[in-house]
Amino acid sequence: MNIFLQKLQARYRWRNWHAYLILALAPLLIYGQSVFFDYTYLDDQRLIMESAEILQKADPSEIFFNDVFFGNAQFYYRPLLTWSFVLDWHLGGGSLTVFHLSNLIYHIIAVWLLYVLLRRARIRRTVAFWLSFFFAIHPALTQAVVWIPGRNDTLAAIFIFSTIIFLSRWFRSEKGRDLGFTWLFFLLALLTKETAAFLPFLALGWIWLYERPFFSWFKLGLATAGAAVSGIIWYLLRTIVIGSGGGSVFDSFVSNLLSPVIYLGKSILPFNLSVYPIPADTTWLYGIAAVLMLGALLIVSRPWRYERFLYGLLWFWPLLVLGSSRPDSDLYRNFMEHRLYVPMFGLLLVLGETEGYWSRLSLEWRRRLLGLGVIIFMLLAWQHGGNFRDRLTFWEHAVKTSPRSPLVQRNLGAMYYLEGNLVAAEHRYREALRLNPEEVMAHNNLAAIYIDREDWWRAEIELKKELEVNPGYDVALFNLGRVYYQKRRYEEAAMLWRETLRLNPRHTGAAQMLEELKQE
């Protein structure tokens, strides 16, 4: 057998395009199942189903001058994410297959760019290939690939990696088109995800570390001038939509300072994955073990270049801290795994510095370890990907892994309600309220069950409780109007429906009910 493999290897001539082919086929094999997946009802239904009219119209002014969710709460300015949904909508007429297929394509493009970037970081071709391969199939990155809104991170990676690649090309070749693409991709990165605002610091680190032989102040000045224009354009657009305050991404820095330890655990030991992990139900043991393992690996790999280790840390740590959720409460903070996508490049740079240890192993042992790692990662990624199959599977897994999250309990209740299982839905809503008596939407969802049962008295009580904790909730106002309508309190119902339309002009149900009242 060994003789046969040696002969085959002697005849086989590796070409560079083979790497790109394998880096495309591997994620297609693991994540191809996702093209048959349904909605998870975590943001995807709001971004696609409930925004169908917006996606169909594709009005640039509406997309560029609105929050990504097109709601009253203005926090995320990500117009390019919406444009990617517009493209998929028009290609597939709303078919989720097209949305999932696009996610796969974006992931493959990001993997290819990662491979190019690792090579430009002067990492040997074989090492760069295997680092890119494990990135392509990494179980902790599954959410970014198979969950439709996770494409926000794959798109950000495409634009961020492209920015650094063309910046490197500009310094090494001094071609104007490379400089122009650097400016363009930086602007696109900003319009995709806010954490790209940290990219100038990463770019300066890259120049200092990898472009010093080609450095000149003239090149740096031109690159900086164009990047400043891109940043100003983004800042002005975001300020118009979000307002000058909108800095809560940075306000969470101190609160989330240690969160990368959790993410490091998911990167090195990806066995505690969850579709919606929260601090209360997440163990630090994997993270601590990963820190110790990585530290030991670096020690036995000496000598290694400390400046590359620090630069990898600069990619990994701050981007995860800045990208983590707002510190409202441990009940609502989360460690969503799609946020690992771009920072993972920094960890790969650090792992690239451990080549000294692996090179001391025999070829046979290296093949065994690589083979074992590939099998484990592929199986874990395939298994975890199945948790995103549909809304019920998704939220049942969320409750299994994060049972102390009132939001997760409430949303599983909503899925049971949509499935017609009202008893199970009521149990989950009450569990959410036990965990947090002021859990928004839980009282309204209980009221929806009572409305279905025509128990108007209990429905009214629950809706009034909802409006006490969530006074601007248009759905609760509309539902209370329905209750008053059944009780023949028409004037109060009309008042509530008018308030519903004031808060949400797109609420067609309130408009229809007001028309019915006029005809009576």
Protein backbone atom coordinates (compact mmCIF):
# COMPACT_ATOMS: atom_id res chain seq x y z
CA MET A 1 0.00 0.00 0.00
CA ASN A 2 2.80 2.41 0.94
CA ILE A 3 4.59 1.62 -2.32
CA PHE A 4 1.40 2.35 -4.26
CA LEU A 5 0.96 5.70 -2.46
CA GLN A 6 4.59 6.61 -3.13
CA LYS A 7 4.18 5.88 -6.84
CA LEU A 8 0.94 7.86 -6.95
CA GLN A 9 2.59 10.77 -5.17
CA ALA A 10 5.54 10.65 -7.58
CA ARG A 11 3.22 10.89 -10.60
CA TYR A 12 1.01 13.56 -9.06
CA ARG A 13 2.17 17.10 -9.66
CA TRP A 14 0.71 19.68 -7.32
CA ARG A 15 -0.47 22.87 -8.96
CA ASN A 16 -1.57 26.02 -7.21
CA TRP A 17 -5.16 25.80 -8.48
CA HIS A 18 -5.51 22.42 -6.75
CA ALA A 19 -5.41 24.23 -3.41
CA TYR A 20 -8.31 26.49 -4.43
CA LEU A 21 -10.30 23.51 -5.70
CA ILE A 22 -9.89 21.57 -2.44
CA LEU A 23 -10.65 24.68 -0.37
CA ALA A 24 -13.93 24.98 -2.30
CA LEU A 25 -14.93 21.30 -2.28
CA ALA A 26 -14.43 20.80 1.47
CA PRO A 27 -17.01 23.40 2.62
CA LEU A 28 -19.40 22.31 -0.14
CA LEU A 29 -19.24 18.77 1.25
CA ILE A 30 -19.77 19.83 4.87
CA TYR A 31 -22.18 22.73 4.47
CA GLY A 32 -23.96 21.71 1.27
CA GLN A 33 -26.83 20.35 3.39
CA SER A 34 -27.73 23.94 4.28
CA VAL A 35 -29.24 24.69 0.86
CA PHE A 36 -32.29 22.70 2.03
CA PHE A 37 -32.60 24.52 5.37
CA ASP A 38 -35.59 26.64 6.38
CA TYR A 39 -35.86 29.83 8.46
CA THR A 40 -34.48 29.70 12.01
CA TYR A 41 -36.56 32.70 13.12
CA LEU A 42 -33.50 34.36 14.60
CA ASP A 43 -33.36 37.57 12.54
CA ASP A 44 -33.59 35.76 9.17
CA GLN A 45 -37.39 36.04 8.98
CA ARG A 46 -37.15 39.77 9.78
CA LEU A 47 -34.39 40.39 7.23
CA ILE A 48 -36.04 38.39 4.44
CA MET A 49 -39.66 37.37 4.97
CA GLU A 50 -40.85 40.52 6.73
CA SER A 51 -38.74 42.77 4.46
CA ALA A 52 -39.94 41.18 1.22
CA GLU A 53 -41.46 44.42 -0.06
CA ILE A 54 -38.22 46.33 0.58
CA LEU A 55 -36.10 43.66 -1.09
CA GLN A 56 -38.43 43.62 -4.07
CA LYS A 57 -38.35 47.42 -4.54
CA ALA A 58 -34.58 47.67 -3.98
CA ASP A 59 -34.82 51.41 -3.40
CA PRO A 60 -31.26 52.70 -2.71
CA SER A 61 -32.48 55.63 -0.61
CA GLU A 62 -34.55 53.31 1.58
CA ILE A 63 -31.69 50.84 2.05
CA PHE A 64 -28.84 53.30 2.58
CA PHE A 65 -30.79 55.51 4.97
CA ASN A 66 -32.23 52.88 7.28
CA ASP A 67 -31.18 50.51 10.00
CA VAL A 68 -30.66 46.95 8.72
CA PHE A 69 -33.95 45.83 10.35
CA PHE A 70 -35.95 48.82 9.05
CA GLY A 71 -37.46 49.31 12.51
CA ASN A 72 -37.76 52.08 15.07
CA ALA A 73 -34.65 50.94 16.98
CA GLN A 74 -31.67 52.30 15.03
CA PHE A 75 -28.49 50.44 15.94
CA TYR A 76 -27.00 48.44 13.06
CA TYR A 77 -26.07 50.34 9.90
CA ARG A 78 -25.23 47.55 7.42
CA PRO A 79 -26.63 48.46 3.99
CA LEU A 80 -24.43 46.02 2.05
CA LEU A 81 -25.91 43.12 3.99
CA THR A 82 -29.34 44.24 2.79
CA TRP A 83 -28.06 44.61 -0.78
CA SER A 84 -26.83 41.01 -0.69
CA PHE A 85 -30.37 39.96 0.28
CA VAL A 86 -31.80 42.11 -2.54
CA LEU A 87 -29.58 40.29 -5.05
CA ASP A 88 -30.65 36.86 -3.74
CA TRP A 89 -34.31 37.86 -3.72
CA HIS A 90 -34.23 38.87 -7.37
CA LEU A 91 -32.21 35.82 -8.40
CA GLY A 92 -34.46 33.31 -6.65
CA GLY A 93 -37.76 35.07 -6.09
CA GLY A 94 -37.50 34.66 -2.33
CA SER A 95 -36.34 31.02 -2.43
CA LEU A 96 -34.21 30.28 0.64
CA THR A 97 -32.11 27.89 -1.44
CA VAL A 98 -30.55 30.87 -3.22
CA PHE A 99 -29.85 32.64 0.09
CA HIS A 100 -28.13 29.58 1.51
CA LEU A 101 -26.20 28.95 -1.70
CA SER A 102 -24.94 32.55 -1.60
CA ASN A 103 -23.75 32.00 1.97
CA LEU A 104 -21.71 29.03 0.75
CA ILE A 105 -20.22 31.00 -2.12
CA TYR A 106 -19.26 33.89 0.16
CA HIS A 107 -17.60 31.45 2.54
CA ILE A 108 -15.56 29.87 -0.26
CA ILE A 109 -14.44 33.28 -1.52
CA ALA A 110 -13.43 34.28 2.01
CA VAL A 111 -11.43 31.03 2.39
CA TRP A 112 -9.61 31.69 -0.90
CA LEU A 113 -8.76 35.24 0.17
CA LEU A 114 -7.58 33.93 3.54
CA TYR A 115 -5.20 31.56 1.74
CA VAL A 116 -3.85 34.46 -0.35
CA LEU A 117 -3.42 36.59 2.76
CA LEU A 118 -1.56 33.87 4.62
CA ARG A 119 0.80 33.48 1.66
CA ARG A 120 1.39 37.25 1.62
CA ALA A 121 2.23 36.93 5.32
CA ARG A 122 5.16 34.77 4.15
CA ILE A 123 3.74 31.55 5.54
CA ARG A 124 4.85 28.48 3.61
CA ARG A 125 2.39 27.24 0.99
CA THR A 126 1.74 23.89 2.70
CA VAL A 127 1.17 25.50 6.09
CA ALA A 128 -1.03 28.23 4.58
CA PHE A 129 -3.09 25.58 2.81
CA TRP A 130 -3.75 23.53 5.95
CA LEU A 131 -4.55 26.60 8.03
CA SER A 132 -7.04 27.69 5.33
CA PHE A 133 -8.47 24.17 5.11
CA PHE A 134 -9.22 24.01 8.82
CA PHE A 135 -10.75 27.49 8.60
CA ALA A 136 -12.95 26.25 5.74
CA ILE A 137 -14.38 23.36 7.81
CA HIS A 138 -14.09 24.77 11.34
CA PRO A 139 -17.15 23.78 13.42
CA ALA A 140 -17.15 27.08 15.36
CA LEU A 141 -17.61 28.99 12.07
CA THR A 142 -20.65 26.93 11.08
CA GLN A 143 -23.09 29.65 12.13
CA ALA A 144 -21.48 32.16 9.75
CA VAL A 145 -22.06 29.76 6.83
CA VAL A 146 -25.39 27.97 7.37
CA TRP A 147 -27.33 30.73 9.20
CA ILE A 148 -28.34 33.30 6.58
CA PRO A 149 -27.67 36.45 8.68
CA GLY A 150 -24.23 34.99 9.46
CA ARG A 151 -23.14 36.12 6.00
CA ASN A 152 -22.60 39.54 7.57
CA ASP A 153 -19.30 38.18 8.88
CA THR A 154 -18.31 36.33 5.70
CA LEU A 155 -18.95 39.49 3.66
CA ALA A 156 -16.98 41.54 6.19
CA ALA A 157 -14.14 39.02 5.91
CA ILE A 158 -14.16 39.26 2.10
CA PHE A 159 -13.87 43.05 2.21
CA ILE A 160 -11.38 43.18 5.12
CA PHE A 161 -9.10 40.50 3.65
CA SER A 162 -9.30 42.22 0.24
CA THR A 163 -8.37 45.56 1.79
CA ILE A 164 -5.20 44.10 3.32
CA ILE A 165 -4.32 42.17 0.14
CA PHE A 166 -4.57 45.24 -2.08
CA LEU A 167 -2.78 47.37 0.50
CA SER A 168 0.07 44.85 0.39
CA ARG A 169 0.04 44.89 -3.41
CA TRP A 170 0.14 48.72 -3.35
CA PHE A 171 3.25 48.76 -1.18
CA ARG A 172 5.00 46.06 -3.19
CA SER A 173 4.09 47.16 -6.73
CA GLU A 174 2.92 50.80 -6.37
CA LYS A 175 0.09 50.42 -8.91
CA GLY A 176 -2.70 52.96 -8.72
CA ARG A 177 -5.46 50.38 -9.21
CA ASP A 178 -4.29 48.50 -6.12
CA LEU A 179 -4.51 51.72 -4.10
CA GLY A 180 -8.01 52.40 -5.45
CA PHE A 181 -9.19 48.91 -4.56
CA THR A 182 -7.74 49.37 -1.05
CA TRP A 183 -9.92 52.45 -0.52
CA LEU A 184 -12.97 50.81 -2.09
CA PHE A 185 -12.83 47.58 -0.08
CA PHE A 186 -12.29 49.50 3.15
CA LEU A 187 -15.48 51.47 2.49
CA LEU A 188 -17.36 48.26 1.63
CA ALA A 189 -16.12 46.66 4.86
CA LEU A 190 -17.41 49.63 6.88
CA LEU A 191 -20.80 49.44 5.14
CA THR A 192 -20.99 45.75 6.06
CA LYS A 193 -20.02 45.66 9.73
CA GLU A 194 -19.09 48.35 12.24
CA THR A 195 -16.04 46.53 13.62
CA ALA A 196 -14.26 47.30 10.33
CA ALA A 197 -13.57 50.71 11.90
CA PHE A 198 -10.70 48.91 13.67
CA LEU A 199 -9.18 47.93 10.31
CA PRO A 200 -6.79 50.94 10.04
CA PHE A 201 -4.97 49.73 13.17
CA LEU A 202 -4.69 46.24 11.67
CA ALA A 203 -3.44 47.74 8.40
CA LEU A 204 -0.72 49.73 10.17
CA GLY A 205 0.38 46.60 11.99
CA TRP A 206 0.50 44.71 8.70
CA ILE A 207 2.61 47.43 7.06
CA TRP A 208 5.05 47.48 9.99
CA LEU A 209 5.35 43.70 10.06
CA TYR A 210 5.21 42.62 6.43
CA GLU A 211 5.81 45.66 4.20
CA ARG A 212 8.84 47.29 5.85
CA PRO A 213 11.18 46.47 2.91
CA PHE A 214 8.77 48.34 0.59
CA PHE A 215 7.76 51.13 2.97
CA SER A 216 7.70 54.81 2.07
CA TRP A 217 5.87 57.72 3.67
CA PHE A 218 4.48 58.65 0.27
CA LYS A 219 2.76 55.26 -0.10
CA LEU A 220 1.46 55.39 3.46
CA GLY A 221 0.21 58.96 3.00
CA LEU A 222 -1.81 58.13 -0.12
CA ALA A 223 -3.28 54.99 1.45
CA THR A 224 -4.21 56.92 4.59
CA ALA A 225 -5.78 59.82 2.67
CA GLY A 226 -8.10 57.55 0.70
CA ALA A 227 -8.97 55.50 3.77
CA ALA A 228 -9.85 58.72 5.62
CA VAL A 229 -12.25 59.70 2.82
CA SER A 230 -13.87 56.25 2.97
CA GLY A 231 -14.17 56.54 6.74
CA ILE A 232 -15.75 60.00 6.54
CA ILE A 233 -18.31 58.83 3.96
CA TRP A 234 -19.27 55.90 6.19
CA TYR A 235 -19.38 58.02 9.34
CA LEU A 236 -21.65 60.65 7.75
CA LEU A 237 -24.06 58.04 6.38
CA ARG A 238 -24.14 56.17 9.69
CA THR A 239 -24.65 59.39 11.66
CA ILE A 240 -27.65 60.33 9.49
CA VAL A 241 -29.25 56.93 10.17
CA ILE A 242 -28.09 55.99 13.67
CA GLY A 243 -27.18 59.39 15.11
CA SER A 244 -23.91 60.60 16.55
CA GLY A 245 -24.43 58.61 19.79
CA GLY A 246 -24.55 55.03 18.43
CA GLY A 247 -21.28 54.07 20.10
CA SER A 248 -22.52 51.17 22.20
CA VAL A 249 -20.30 48.80 20.21
CA PHE A 250 -17.33 50.48 21.87
CA ASP A 251 -19.07 51.00 25.23
CA SER A 252 -19.08 47.22 25.76
CA PHE A 253 -15.27 46.95 25.52
CA VAL A 254 -14.55 46.65 29.25
CA SER A 255 -17.49 44.32 29.93
CA ASN A 256 -16.42 41.92 27.16
CA LEU A 257 -12.66 42.14 27.74
CA LEU A 258 -12.31 38.46 28.69
CA SER A 259 -14.88 37.06 26.26
CA PRO A 260 -12.15 36.04 23.73
CA VAL A 261 -11.09 33.35 26.22
CA ILE A 262 -14.47 31.69 25.60
CA TYR A 263 -14.01 32.05 21.84
CA LEU A 264 -10.49 30.64 22.04
CA GLY A 265 -11.99 27.54 23.68
CA LYS A 266 -14.45 27.20 20.81
CA SER A 267 -11.57 27.61 18.33
CA ILE A 268 -9.15 25.06 19.80
CA LEU A 269 -11.65 22.66 21.43
CA PRO A 270 -14.92 23.10 19.46
CA PHE A 271 -17.01 20.68 21.53
CA ASN A 272 -19.30 23.10 23.42
CA LEU A 273 -20.99 24.78 20.48
CA SER A 274 -24.42 26.37 20.69
CA VAL A 275 -26.69 28.24 18.30
CA TYR A 276 -27.29 30.86 21.02
CA PRO A 277 -24.68 30.63 23.84
CA ILE A 278 -25.07 32.91 26.87
CA PRO A 279 -22.60 33.53 29.73
CA ALA A 280 -24.80 31.89 32.37
CA ASP A 281 -24.71 28.55 30.53
CA THR A 282 -21.21 28.71 29.06
CA THR A 283 -18.25 27.09 30.80
CA TRP A 284 -14.85 28.77 30.91
CA LEU A 285 -13.05 25.41 31.19
CA TYR A 286 -12.60 24.96 27.44
CA GLY A 287 -11.23 28.48 27.12
CA ILE A 288 -8.77 28.06 30.00
CA ALA A 289 -7.67 24.68 28.62
CA ALA A 290 -7.19 26.25 25.17
CA VAL A 291 -5.03 29.05 26.61
CA LEU A 292 -2.82 26.47 28.37
CA MET A 293 -2.59 24.26 25.28
CA LEU A 294 -1.71 27.17 22.98
CA GLY A 295 0.85 28.47 25.47
CA ALA A 296 2.49 25.03 25.76
CA LEU A 297 2.54 24.66 21.98
CA LEU A 298 4.26 28.02 21.56
CA ILE A 299 6.85 27.12 24.21
CA VAL A 300 7.83 23.85 22.51
CA SER A 301 7.84 25.61 19.11
CA ARG A 302 10.60 28.07 20.02
CA PRO A 303 12.15 30.00 18.50
CA TRP A 304 9.14 31.88 17.18
CA ARG A 305 8.69 35.48 16.14
CA TYR A 306 7.04 37.35 19.00
CA GLU A 307 6.00 40.29 16.79
CA ARG A 308 3.84 37.96 14.65
CA PHE A 309 2.31 36.50 17.79
CA LEU A 310 1.42 40.02 19.00
CA TYR A 311 -0.03 40.92 15.61
CA GLY A 312 -2.14 37.75 15.58
CA LEU A 313 -3.35 38.69 19.05
CA LEU A 314 -4.24 42.16 17.74
CA TRP A 315 -6.51 40.55 15.14
CA PHE A 316 -8.08 38.05 17.52
CA TRP A 317 -8.67 39.85 20.80
CA PRO A 318 -9.91 43.43 20.05
CA LEU A 319 -12.15 42.40 17.14
CA LEU A 320 -13.95 39.88 19.36
CA VAL A 321 -14.25 42.35 22.24
CA LEU A 322 -15.60 45.11 20.00
CA GLY A 323 -17.92 42.72 18.17
CA SER A 324 -19.49 41.21 21.29
CA SER A 325 -23.02 42.04 22.38
CA ARG A 326 -23.94 45.03 24.52
CA PRO A 327 -23.52 44.58 28.29
CA ASP A 328 -27.21 45.03 29.22
CA SER A 329 -27.31 41.91 31.35
CA ASP A 330 -25.79 38.43 31.46
CA LEU A 331 -29.26 37.19 30.49
CA TYR A 332 -29.01 38.97 27.14
CA ARG A 333 -25.29 38.99 26.40
CA ASN A 334 -24.25 36.14 24.16
CA PHE A 335 -21.20 34.54 22.60
CA MET A 336 -22.60 34.06 19.10
CA GLU A 337 -20.07 32.00 17.17
CA HIS A 338 -20.33 33.81 13.82
CA ARG A 339 -18.33 36.65 15.43
CA LEU A 340 -15.25 34.39 15.32
CA TYR A 341 -15.06 34.54 11.54
CA VAL A 342 -12.77 37.53 10.94
CA PRO A 343 -10.80 37.32 14.24
CA MET A 344 -9.94 33.69 13.44
CA PHE A 345 -7.32 34.98 10.99
CA GLY A 346 -5.30 36.30 13.94
CA LEU A 347 -5.38 32.91 15.63
CA LEU A 348 -4.20 31.26 12.40
CA LEU A 349 -1.22 33.64 12.31
CA VAL A 350 -0.37 32.58 15.87
CA LEU A 351 -0.71 28.90 14.95
CA GLY A 352 1.52 29.53 11.96
CA GLU A 353 4.28 30.31 14.44
CA THR A 354 4.09 26.77 15.85
CA GLU A 355 5.45 25.26 12.63
CA GLY A 356 8.76 24.57 14.38
CA TYR A 357 7.14 21.97 16.62
CA TRP A 358 5.23 20.21 13.83
CA SER A 359 8.30 20.09 11.58
CA ARG A 360 10.12 18.07 14.25
CA LEU A 361 7.47 15.33 14.06
CA SER A 362 7.88 12.53 11.58
CA LEU A 363 5.94 12.74 8.33
CA GLU A 364 3.84 9.73 9.38
CA TRP A 365 2.80 11.36 12.66
CA ARG A 366 1.98 14.64 10.93
CA ARG A 367 -0.30 12.80 8.51
CA ARG A 368 -2.01 10.94 11.33
CA LEU A 369 -2.66 14.10 13.33
CA LEU A 370 -3.87 16.03 10.29
CA GLY A 371 -6.16 13.18 9.27
CA LEU A 372 -7.60 12.89 12.77
CA GLY A 373 -8.14 16.64 12.97
CA VAL A 374 -9.88 16.74 9.59
CA ILE A 375 -12.23 13.88 10.52
CA ILE A 376 -13.14 15.38 13.92
CA PHE A 377 -13.70 18.89 12.53
CA MET A 378 -15.78 17.65 9.60
CA LEU A 379 -18.01 15.50 11.81
CA LEU A 380 -18.51 18.30 14.34
CA ALA A 381 -19.25 20.86 11.61
CA TRP A 382 -21.75 18.55 9.92
CA GLN A 383 -23.48 17.79 13.20
CA HIS A 384 -23.60 21.41 14.36
CA GLY A 385 -24.83 22.54 10.95
CA GLY A 386 -27.90 20.33 11.40
CA ASN A 387 -28.96 22.44 14.40
CA PHE A 388 -29.83 25.24 11.94
CA ARG A 389 -32.11 23.02 9.83
CA ASP A 390 -35.41 24.67 10.79
CA ARG A 391 -36.92 26.91 13.45
CA LEU A 392 -37.97 24.13 15.84
CA THR A 393 -34.64 22.28 15.69
CA PHE A 394 -32.80 25.57 16.14
CA TRP A 395 -34.63 26.76 19.24
CA GLU A 396 -34.83 23.33 20.85
CA HIS A 397 -31.05 23.13 20.61
CA ALA A 398 -30.83 26.69 21.96
CA VAL A 399 -32.87 25.71 25.04
CA LYS A 400 -30.81 22.55 25.49
CA THR A 401 -27.54 24.50 25.57
CA SER A 402 -28.78 27.80 27.12
CA PRO A 403 -31.71 26.87 29.40
CA ARG A 404 -31.28 29.96 31.61
CA SER A 405 -31.94 32.38 28.78
CA PRO A 406 -35.46 33.89 28.97
CA LEU A 407 -35.18 34.98 25.34
CA VAL A 408 -34.45 31.42 24.22
CA GLN A 409 -37.33 30.01 26.29
CA ARG A 410 -39.68 32.64 24.87
CA ASN A 411 -38.65 32.00 21.29
CA LEU A 412 -39.02 28.24 21.61
CA GLY A 413 -42.53 28.96 22.89
CA ALA A 414 -43.16 31.01 19.76
CA MET A 415 -42.03 28.09 17.59
CA TYR A 416 -44.36 25.72 19.42
CA TYR A 417 -47.15 28.25 18.91
CA LEU A 418 -46.49 28.35 15.16
CA GLU A 419 -46.55 24.53 15.16
CA GLY A 420 -49.98 24.61 16.87
CA ASN A 421 -48.71 23.14 20.16
CA LEU A 422 -50.30 25.72 22.48
CA VAL A 423 -49.72 23.77 25.71
CA ALA A 424 -45.95 23.54 25.12
CA ALA A 425 -45.88 27.16 24.00
CA GLU A 426 -47.60 28.36 27.19
CA HIS A 427 -45.13 26.38 29.31
CA ARG A 428 -42.14 28.03 27.61
CA TYR A 429 -43.60 31.54 27.94
CA ARG A 430 -44.15 31.02 31.65
CA GLU A 431 -40.63 29.65 32.02
CA ALA A 432 -39.31 32.80 30.32
CA LEU A 433 -41.28 34.97 32.75
CA ARG A 434 -40.00 32.93 35.69
CA LEU A 435 -36.44 33.65 34.57
CA ASN A 436 -37.24 37.30 33.91
CA PRO A 437 -40.64 38.71 35.01
CA GLU A 438 -40.14 41.64 32.64
CA GLU A 439 -39.26 39.59 29.57
CA VAL A 440 -40.55 41.56 26.58
CA MET A 441 -43.09 39.91 24.27
CA ALA A 442 -43.70 36.98 26.67
CA HIS A 443 -46.97 38.43 28.04
CA ASN A 444 -48.09 39.34 24.51
CA ASN A 445 -47.37 35.80 23.32
CA LEU A 446 -49.37 34.36 26.20
CA ALA A 447 -52.20 36.71 25.23
CA ALA A 448 -52.07 35.35 21.66
CA ILE A 449 -52.81 31.88 23.05
CA TYR A 450 -55.76 33.22 25.05
CA ILE A 451 -57.06 35.09 22.00
CA ASP A 452 -57.02 31.82 20.05
CA ARG A 453 -59.02 30.27 22.91
CA GLU A 454 -61.33 33.32 22.93
CA ASP A 455 -60.42 33.89 26.58
CA TRP A 456 -60.65 37.69 26.25
CA TRP A 457 -60.38 38.38 29.98
CA ARG A 458 -56.98 36.65 30.41
CA ALA A 459 -55.78 38.06 27.08
CA GLU A 460 -56.52 41.62 28.26
CA ILE A 461 -54.65 41.07 31.54
CA GLU A 462 -51.55 39.75 29.76
CA LEU A 463 -51.55 42.51 27.15
CA LYS A 464 -51.75 45.23 29.80
CA LYS A 465 -48.79 43.61 31.59
CA GLU A 466 -46.90 43.59 28.30
CA LEU A 467 -47.52 47.28 27.72
CA GLU A 468 -46.34 48.08 31.23
CA VAL A 469 -42.87 46.67 30.48
CA ASN A 470 -42.89 47.33 26.73
CA PRO A 471 -45.10 50.38 26.11
CA GLY A 472 -44.11 50.95 22.48
CA TYR A 473 -44.74 47.40 21.29
CA ASP A 474 -47.00 47.72 18.24
CA VAL A 475 -48.04 44.04 18.22
CA ALA A 476 -49.35 44.25 21.79
CA LEU A 477 -51.26 47.44 20.97
CA PHE A 478 -52.80 45.77 17.95
CA ASN A 479 -53.75 42.64 19.92
CA LEU A 480 -55.30 44.69 22.72
CA GLY A 481 -57.31 46.46 20.03
CA ARG A 482 -58.53 43.03 18.85
CA VAL A 483 -59.61 42.18 22.41
CA TYR A 484 -61.52 45.47 22.77
CA TYR A 485 -63.10 44.91 19.37
CA GLN A 486 -64.47 41.56 20.57
CA LYS A 487 -65.76 43.29 23.70
CA ARG A 488 -67.46 45.89 21.46
CA ARG A 489 -65.30 48.70 22.85
CA TYR A 490 -64.83 50.05 19.34
CA GLU A 491 -63.53 53.53 20.15
CA GLU A 492 -60.77 52.16 22.37
CA ALA A 493 -59.90 49.57 19.71
CA ALA A 494 -59.66 52.25 17.01
CA MET A 495 -57.44 54.40 19.22
CA LEU A 496 -55.07 51.47 19.78
CA TRP A 497 -54.90 50.63 16.08
CA ARG A 498 -54.16 54.25 15.16
CA GLU A 499 -51.31 54.20 17.70
CA THR A 500 -50.11 50.93 16.16
CA LEU A 501 -49.91 52.58 12.73
CA ARG A 502 -48.13 55.59 14.18
CA LEU A 503 -45.45 53.33 15.61
CA ASN A 504 -45.35 51.00 12.61
CA PRO A 505 -46.81 52.44 9.37
CA ARG A 506 -46.28 49.03 7.68
CA HIS A 507 -48.69 47.22 10.03
CA THR A 508 -51.29 46.11 7.48
CA GLY A 509 -53.47 44.37 10.08
CA ALA A 510 -54.19 47.62 11.95
CA ALA A 511 -55.01 49.42 8.70
CA GLN A 512 -57.43 46.68 7.66
CA MET A 513 -59.20 46.64 11.03
CA LEU A 514 -59.65 50.42 10.93
CA GLU A 515 -61.19 50.10 7.46
CA GLU A 516 -63.59 47.45 8.77
CA LEU A 517 -64.63 49.74 11.61
CA LYS A 518 -65.40 52.54 9.14
CA GLN A 519 -67.70 50.23 7.17
CA GLU A 520 -69.71 49.18 10.22
